Amino acid sequence: MISFDTFRGTEGTPIYQQILLFIKRGAVAGTIRDGDELPSRRMLSALLGINPNTVQKAFRMLEDEGLITSQPGAGSNMTLTPQKLDALKEELLKDDIRSITSALRQMGIDREEALRLIEENWQESEEEPAGSGEGEEHE
């Protein structure tokens, strides 16, 4: 069963979108795998302290994207093919890059400075021991 122990809601983003992102990032990171079972809608809404309709909306969107299959009375399971994972990784990266690019432009950072900052951060991250990065997803 997929654990939501590390899920932390944030202000300013609808909770159903945060659930979607948590599951998608977990899938890309490999902490959520093909066939993994999701908590029931009722169980997840109680765990997160949110309306069951909010969980239902997130699950419906995951179904529409082909990332989960649900059977009445039998629960919901992840359906992750290598092709879906590749597309998901690209989607998440593009969204993150758009957000970072927008923030940099808003701060008046030009392209050369942005690339320098990325290169500098990249080098620093290569020097860190594996597994010490912030924001890692865990099951």
C-alpha atoms as a PDB file:
ATOM      1  CA  MET A   1       0.000   0.000   0.000  1.00  0.00           C
ATOM      2  CA  ILE A   2       1.284   3.439  -0.912  1.00  0.00           C
ATOM      3  CA  SER A   3       2.222   5.403   2.195  1.00  0.00           C
ATOM      4  CA  PHE A   4       1.352   9.051   2.612  1.00  0.00           C
ATOM      5  CA  ASP A   5       3.459   9.425   5.776  1.00  0.00           C
ATOM      6  CA  THR A   6       5.777  11.925   4.067  1.00  0.00           C
ATOM      7  CA  PHE A   7       2.957  13.920   2.441  1.00  0.00           C
ATOM      8  CA  ARG A   8       3.015  17.545   3.552  1.00  0.00           C
ATOM      9  CA  GLY A   9       0.333  19.892   2.304  1.00  0.00           C
ATOM     10  CA  THR A  10       1.296  23.415   1.342  1.00  0.00           C
ATOM     11  CA  GLU A  11      -0.645  26.663   1.197  1.00  0.00           C
ATOM     12  CA  GLY A  12      -1.688  28.090  -2.128  1.00  0.00           C
ATOM     13  CA  THR A  13      -2.079  24.879  -4.145  1.00  0.00           C
ATOM     14  CA  PRO A  14      -5.319  22.880  -4.208  1.00  0.00           C
ATOM     15  CA  ILE A  15      -4.919  19.682  -2.163  1.00  0.00           C
ATOM     16  CA  TYR A  16      -6.061  17.427  -5.031  1.00  0.00           C
ATOM     17  CA  GLN A  17      -3.174  18.794  -7.131  1.00  0.00           C
ATOM     18  CA  GLN A  18      -0.770  18.154  -4.258  1.00  0.00           C
ATOM     19  CA  ILE A  19      -1.961  14.527  -4.073  1.00  0.00           C
ATOM     20  CA  LEU A  20      -1.447  14.156  -7.829  1.00  0.00           C
ATOM     21  CA  LEU A  21       2.055  15.600  -7.619  1.00  0.00           C
ATOM     22  CA  PHE A  22       2.977  13.444  -4.605  1.00  0.00           C
ATOM     23  CA  ILE A  23       1.942  10.277  -6.459  1.00  0.00           C
ATOM     24  CA  LYS A  24       3.563  11.310  -9.752  1.00  0.00           C
ATOM     25  CA  ARG A  25       6.864  12.257  -8.106  1.00  0.00           C
ATOM     26  CA  GLY A  26       6.830   9.006  -6.146  1.00  0.00           C
ATOM     27  CA  ALA A  27       6.326   7.064  -9.379  1.00  0.00           C
ATOM     28  CA  VAL A  28       9.196   8.856 -11.127  1.00  0.00           C
ATOM     29  CA  ALA A  29      11.432   8.403  -8.055  1.00  0.00           C
ATOM     30  CA  GLY A  30      10.613   4.682  -7.946  1.00  0.00           C
ATOM     31  CA  THR A  31       9.075   4.739  -4.465  1.00  0.00           C
ATOM     32  CA  ILE A  32       5.682   4.081  -6.046  1.00  0.00           C
ATOM     33  CA  ARG A  33       5.690   1.159  -8.461  1.00  0.00           C
ATOM     34  CA  ASP A  34       3.444  -0.530 -10.982  1.00  0.00           C
ATOM     35  CA  GLY A  35       0.727  -2.503  -9.190  1.00  0.00           C
ATOM     36  CA  ASP A  36       1.069  -0.682  -5.864  1.00  0.00           C
ATOM     37  CA  GLU A  37      -2.256  -0.257  -4.114  1.00  0.00           C
ATOM     38  CA  LEU A  38      -3.519   3.169  -3.086  1.00  0.00           C
ATOM     39  CA  PRO A  39      -5.350   3.690   0.188  1.00  0.00           C
ATOM     40  CA  SER A  40      -9.127   3.776  -0.182  1.00  0.00           C
ATOM     41  CA  ARG A  41     -10.625   7.177  -0.833  1.00  0.00           C
ATOM     42  CA  ARG A  42     -12.233   7.164   2.599  1.00  0.00           C
ATOM     43  CA  MET A  43      -9.023   6.089   4.343  1.00  0.00           C
ATOM     44  CA  LEU A  44      -6.913   8.726   2.572  1.00  0.00           C
ATOM     45  CA  SER A  45      -9.399  11.509   3.274  1.00  0.00           C
ATOM     46  CA  ALA A  46      -9.358  10.579   6.987  1.00  0.00           C
ATOM     47  CA  LEU A  47      -5.546  10.345   7.040  1.00  0.00           C
ATOM     48  CA  LEU A  48      -5.095  13.763   5.411  1.00  0.00           C
ATOM     49  CA  GLY A  49      -8.077  15.351   7.169  1.00  0.00           C
ATOM     50  CA  ILE A  50      -9.729  16.418   3.928  1.00  0.00           C
ATOM     51  CA  ASN A  51     -13.076  15.989   2.208  1.00  0.00           C
ATOM     52  CA  PRO A  52     -13.510  12.567   0.500  1.00  0.00           C
ATOM     53  CA  ASN A  53     -14.653  14.406  -2.654  1.00  0.00           C
ATOM     54  CA  THR A  54     -11.187  15.983  -2.874  1.00  0.00           C
ATOM     55  CA  VAL A  55      -9.531  12.554  -2.848  1.00  0.00           C
ATOM     56  CA  GLN A  56     -12.122  11.339  -5.360  1.00  0.00           C
ATOM     57  CA  LYS A  57     -11.191  14.217  -7.692  1.00  0.00           C
ATOM     58  CA  ALA A  58      -7.473  13.372  -7.466  1.00  0.00           C
ATOM     59  CA  PHE A  59      -8.104   9.668  -8.091  1.00  0.00           C
ATOM     60  CA  ARG A  60     -10.415  10.432 -11.028  1.00  0.00           C
ATOM     61  CA  MET A  61      -7.691  12.580 -12.595  1.00  0.00           C
ATOM     62  CA  LEU A  62      -5.128   9.798 -12.087  1.00  0.00           C
ATOM     63  CA  GLU A  63      -7.555   7.392 -13.777  1.00  0.00           C
ATOM     64  CA  ASP A  64      -8.080   9.829 -16.668  1.00  0.00           C
ATOM     65  CA  GLU A  65      -4.302   9.990 -17.128  1.00  0.00           C
ATOM     66  CA  GLY A  66      -4.107   6.190 -17.125  1.00  0.00           C
ATOM     67  CA  LEU A  67      -1.903   6.091 -14.014  1.00  0.00           C
ATOM     68  CA  ILE A  68      -4.316   4.096 -11.850  1.00  0.00           C
ATOM     69  CA  THR A  69      -7.072   1.572 -12.395  1.00  0.00           C
ATOM     70  CA  SER A  70      -9.946   1.312  -9.954  1.00  0.00           C
ATOM     71  CA  GLN A  71     -12.374  -1.509  -9.403  1.00  0.00           C
ATOM     72  CA  PRO A  72     -15.486  -0.940  -7.273  1.00  0.00           C
ATOM     73  CA  GLY A  73     -14.962  -2.703  -3.957  1.00  0.00           C
ATOM     74  CA  ALA A  74     -11.444  -3.806  -4.917  1.00  0.00           C
ATOM     75  CA  GLY A  75      -9.534  -0.532  -4.593  1.00  0.00           C
ATOM     76  CA  SER A  76      -7.149   1.312  -6.888  1.00  0.00           C
ATOM     77  CA  ASN A  77      -3.755   0.240  -8.179  1.00  0.00           C
ATOM     78  CA  MET A  78      -0.969   2.002 -10.040  1.00  0.00           C
ATOM     79  CA  THR A  79      -0.561   1.158 -13.733  1.00  0.00           C
ATOM     80  CA  LEU A  80       2.926   2.331 -14.645  1.00  0.00           C
ATOM     81  CA  THR A  81       4.516   1.228 -17.888  1.00  0.00           C
ATOM     82  CA  PRO A  82       8.034   2.384 -18.803  1.00  0.00           C
ATOM     83  CA  GLN A  83       6.459   4.634 -21.462  1.00  0.00           C
ATOM     84  CA  LYS A  84       4.115   6.251 -18.908  1.00  0.00           C
ATOM     85  CA  LEU A  85       7.012   6.786 -16.506  1.00  0.00           C
ATOM     86  CA  ASP A  86       9.124   8.438 -19.217  1.00  0.00           C
ATOM     87  CA  ALA A  87       6.253  10.754 -20.183  1.00  0.00           C
ATOM     88  CA  LEU A  88       5.572  11.530 -16.523  1.00  0.00           C
ATOM     89  CA  LYS A  89       9.218  12.364 -15.868  1.00  0.00           C
ATOM     90  CA  GLU A  90       9.283  14.723 -18.846  1.00  0.00           C
ATOM     91  CA  GLU A  91       6.016  16.376 -17.749  1.00  0.00           C
ATOM     92  CA  LEU A  92       7.286  16.981 -14.209  1.00  0.00           C
ATOM     93  CA  LEU A  93      10.652  18.277 -15.398  1.00  0.00           C
ATOM     94  CA  LYS A  94       9.032  20.690 -17.850  1.00  0.00           C
ATOM     95  CA  ASP A  95       6.686  21.989 -15.150  1.00  0.00           C
ATOM     96  CA  ASP A  96       9.585  22.509 -12.720  1.00  0.00           C
ATOM     97  CA  ILE A  97      11.727  24.198 -15.371  1.00  0.00           C
ATOM     98  CA  ARG A  98       8.843  26.535 -16.350  1.00  0.00           C
ATOM     99  CA  SER A  99       8.355  27.477 -12.706  1.00  0.00           C
ATOM    100  CA  ILE A 100      12.068  28.093 -12.097  1.00  0.00           C
ATOM    101  CA  THR A 101      12.439  30.051 -15.334  1.00  0.00           C
ATOM    102  CA  SER A 102       9.488  32.244 -14.422  1.00  0.00           C
ATOM    103  CA  ALA A 103      10.889  32.907 -10.931  1.00  0.00           C
ATOM    104  CA  LEU A 104      14.340  33.770 -12.315  1.00  0.00           C
ATOM    105  CA  ARG A 105      12.888  36.190 -14.863  1.00  0.00           C
ATOM    106  CA  GLN A 106      10.706  37.782 -12.206  1.00  0.00           C
ATOM    107  CA  MET A 107      13.858  38.403 -10.138  1.00  0.00           C
ATOM    108  CA  GLY A 108      15.582  40.001 -13.111  1.00  0.00           C
ATOM    109  CA  ILE A 109      18.099  37.163 -13.607  1.00  0.00           C
ATOM    110  CA  ASP A 110      19.285  36.966 -17.204  1.00  0.00           C
ATOM    111  CA  ARG A 111      19.930  33.736 -19.099  1.00  0.00           C
ATOM    112  CA  GLU A 112      23.708  33.739 -18.581  1.00  0.00           C
ATOM    113  CA  GLU A 113      23.363  34.264 -14.824  1.00  0.00           C
ATOM    114  CA  ALA A 114      20.668  31.578 -14.624  1.00  0.00           C
ATOM    115  CA  LEU A 115      22.873  29.073 -16.448  1.00  0.00           C
ATOM    116  CA  ARG A 116      25.808  29.969 -14.195  1.00  0.00           C
ATOM    117  CA  LEU A 117      23.676  29.397 -11.098  1.00  0.00           C
ATOM    118  CA  ILE A 118      22.446  26.056 -12.422  1.00  0.00           C
ATOM    119  CA  GLU A 119      25.985  24.955 -13.253  1.00  0.00           C
ATOM    120  CA  GLU A 120      27.217  26.004  -9.812  1.00  0.00           C
ATOM    121  CA  ASN A 121      24.380  24.148  -8.079  1.00  0.00           C
ATOM    122  CA  TRP A 122      24.925  21.097 -10.274  1.00  0.00           C
ATOM    123  CA  GLN A 123      28.570  20.927  -9.266  1.00  0.00           C
ATOM    124  CA  GLU A 124      27.708  21.342  -5.577  1.00  0.00           C
ATOM    125  CA  SER A 125      25.151  18.549  -5.770  1.00  0.00           C
ATOM    126  CA  GLU A 126      27.718  16.206  -7.336  1.00  0.00           C
ATOM    127  CA  GLU A 127      29.957  16.787  -4.328  1.00  0.00           C
ATOM    128  CA  GLU A 128      27.206  15.849  -1.822  1.00  0.00           C
ATOM    129  CA  PRO A 129      26.999  12.249  -0.630  1.00  0.00           C
ATOM    130  CA  ALA A 130      24.292  10.239  -2.397  1.00  0.00           C
ATOM    131  CA  GLY A 131      20.886  10.376  -0.714  1.00  0.00           C
ATOM    132  CA  SER A 132      21.500  13.636   1.132  1.00  0.00           C
ATOM    133  CA  GLY A 133      19.474  15.867  -1.208  1.00  0.00           C
ATOM    134  CA  GLU A 134      16.489  17.812   0.043  1.00  0.00           C
ATOM    135  CA  GLY A 135      12.973  17.036  -1.043  1.00  0.00           C
ATOM    136  CA  GLU A 136      13.503  13.373  -1.798  1.00  0.00           C
ATOM    137  CA  GLU A 137      10.376  11.253  -1.970  1.00  0.00           C
ATOM    138  CA  HIS A 138      10.141   8.211   0.255  1.00  0.00           C
ATOM    139  CA  GLU A 139       7.574   5.458   0.431  1.00  0.00           C
END
